[in-house]
Protein backbone atom coordinates (compact mmCIF):
# COMPACT_ATOMS: atom_id res chain seq x y z
CA MET A 1 28.56 13.14 -28.31
CA ASN A 2 30.92 10.35 -27.49
CA ILE A 3 30.54 7.60 -30.10
CA VAL A 4 31.96 4.10 -29.67
CA THR A 5 32.21 1.82 -32.67
CA PHE A 6 32.34 -1.93 -32.38
CA CYS A 7 32.82 -2.31 -36.12
CA ASP A 8 34.97 -0.88 -38.87
CA ILE A 9 33.46 2.40 -40.03
CA ASP A 10 34.90 5.33 -41.92
CA LYS A 11 35.23 7.88 -39.11
CA SER A 12 35.27 10.73 -41.62
CA LEU A 13 31.54 10.12 -42.13
CA ILE A 14 30.86 11.30 -38.57
CA ASP A 15 30.71 15.03 -37.86
CA SER A 16 33.85 16.38 -36.22
CA LYS A 17 31.76 17.80 -33.35
CA ASN A 18 31.57 14.21 -32.05
CA THR A 19 34.31 12.14 -30.48
CA VAL A 20 34.74 8.73 -32.10
CA GLU A 21 36.32 5.89 -30.15
CA VAL A 22 36.94 2.31 -31.26
CA PHE A 23 36.06 -0.35 -28.72
CA GLY A 24 39.15 -2.30 -27.73
CA GLN A 25 41.53 0.45 -28.83
CA ASN A 26 40.81 3.72 -27.13
CA HIS A 27 37.38 3.73 -25.54
CA SER A 28 36.69 5.71 -22.39
CA GLY A 29 33.70 3.69 -21.23
CA GLU A 30 31.40 6.69 -21.66
CA GLY A 31 29.84 6.07 -25.08
CA ASN A 32 26.59 7.93 -25.68
CA VAL A 33 26.11 6.32 -29.09
CA VAL A 34 27.24 2.84 -30.07
CA ILE A 35 27.65 1.76 -33.68
CA LEU A 36 27.77 -1.95 -34.48
CA ASP A 37 27.16 -4.39 -37.30
CA ILE A 38 26.22 -8.04 -37.59
CA ASN A 39 29.84 -9.12 -37.14
CA SER A 40 30.23 -7.23 -33.87
CA ILE A 41 26.88 -7.93 -32.19
CA PHE A 42 28.31 -10.41 -29.69
CA ASP A 43 31.26 -8.15 -28.80
CA TYR A 44 28.73 -5.40 -28.19
CA GLU A 45 26.50 -7.59 -26.02
CA GLU A 46 29.42 -8.82 -23.92
CA ASN A 47 31.08 -5.42 -23.50
CA LYS A 48 28.43 -2.70 -23.66
CA ALA A 49 28.60 -2.16 -19.90
CA ASP A 50 32.31 -1.37 -20.21
CA ALA A 51 31.97 0.80 -23.32
CA CYS A 52 28.83 2.84 -22.68
CA ALA A 53 27.47 5.49 -20.37
CA SER A 54 24.44 4.52 -18.31
CA ASP A 55 22.16 6.02 -21.00
CA PHE A 56 23.13 5.36 -24.60
CA ILE A 57 21.68 4.80 -28.06
CA SER A 58 22.66 1.84 -30.23
CA ILE A 59 22.80 2.08 -34.02
CA ALA A 60 23.10 -1.09 -36.07
CA ILE A 61 24.45 -1.14 -39.59
CA ILE A 62 22.55 -3.67 -41.69
CA ASP A 63 23.53 -5.15 -45.02
CA ASP A 64 20.29 -7.01 -45.74
CA GLU A 65 16.95 -8.00 -44.19
CA SER A 66 18.42 -11.03 -42.43
CA ASP A 67 20.63 -8.67 -40.40
CA TYR A 68 17.54 -6.86 -39.16
CA ASP A 69 16.02 -10.16 -38.05
CA ALA A 70 19.18 -11.01 -36.12
CA PHE A 71 19.34 -7.59 -34.41
CA LYS A 72 15.71 -7.38 -33.32
CA ASN A 73 16.37 -9.56 -30.26
CA PHE A 74 19.20 -7.35 -28.99
CA GLY A 75 17.26 -4.17 -28.16
CA ILE A 76 18.85 -2.03 -30.87
CA ASP A 77 17.51 1.55 -30.94
CA ALA A 78 18.13 2.44 -34.60
CA TRP A 79 19.17 0.82 -37.86
CA ILE A 80 20.88 2.15 -40.94
CA LYS A 81 21.64 0.37 -44.18
CA ARG A 82 25.34 0.24 -45.02
CA LYS A 83 24.63 1.90 -48.37
CA ASP A 84 23.13 4.87 -46.47
CA LEU A 85 26.02 5.42 -44.05
CA ALA A 86 26.60 8.90 -45.44
CA LYS A 87 23.39 9.85 -43.57
CA ILE A 88 24.53 8.51 -40.19
CA ASN A 89 24.84 12.01 -38.73
CA GLU A 90 21.09 12.43 -39.05
CA ILE A 91 20.58 9.47 -36.74
CA ILE A 92 23.31 10.67 -34.36
CA ASP A 93 21.64 14.10 -34.16
CA LEU A 94 18.30 12.45 -33.35
CA ALA A 95 20.03 10.34 -30.70
CA GLN A 96 21.46 13.47 -29.11
CA GLN A 97 17.96 14.97 -28.88
CA ARG A 98 16.67 11.74 -27.31
CA LEU A 99 19.41 11.64 -24.69
């Protein structure tokens, strides 16, 4: 899977079988999975067409319930709490099955 992050995330959390790109640094424009947080939601909205493949899954990292409320109007596919980021590969694996 080609993963594009719009936010700062520890790339070592993501299985090495995936390619991780950072939007604005080295993205190919073919992201299958996008990872974003509340601070990068507008960058994501403005640039998702340039960063993502035609079919992609978006994963939002939330810090508290107010983040969820903010994201719900942006068509986010999945959410993960920042404290649970060690489990992000489970969501990525589910995304791969969905795609």
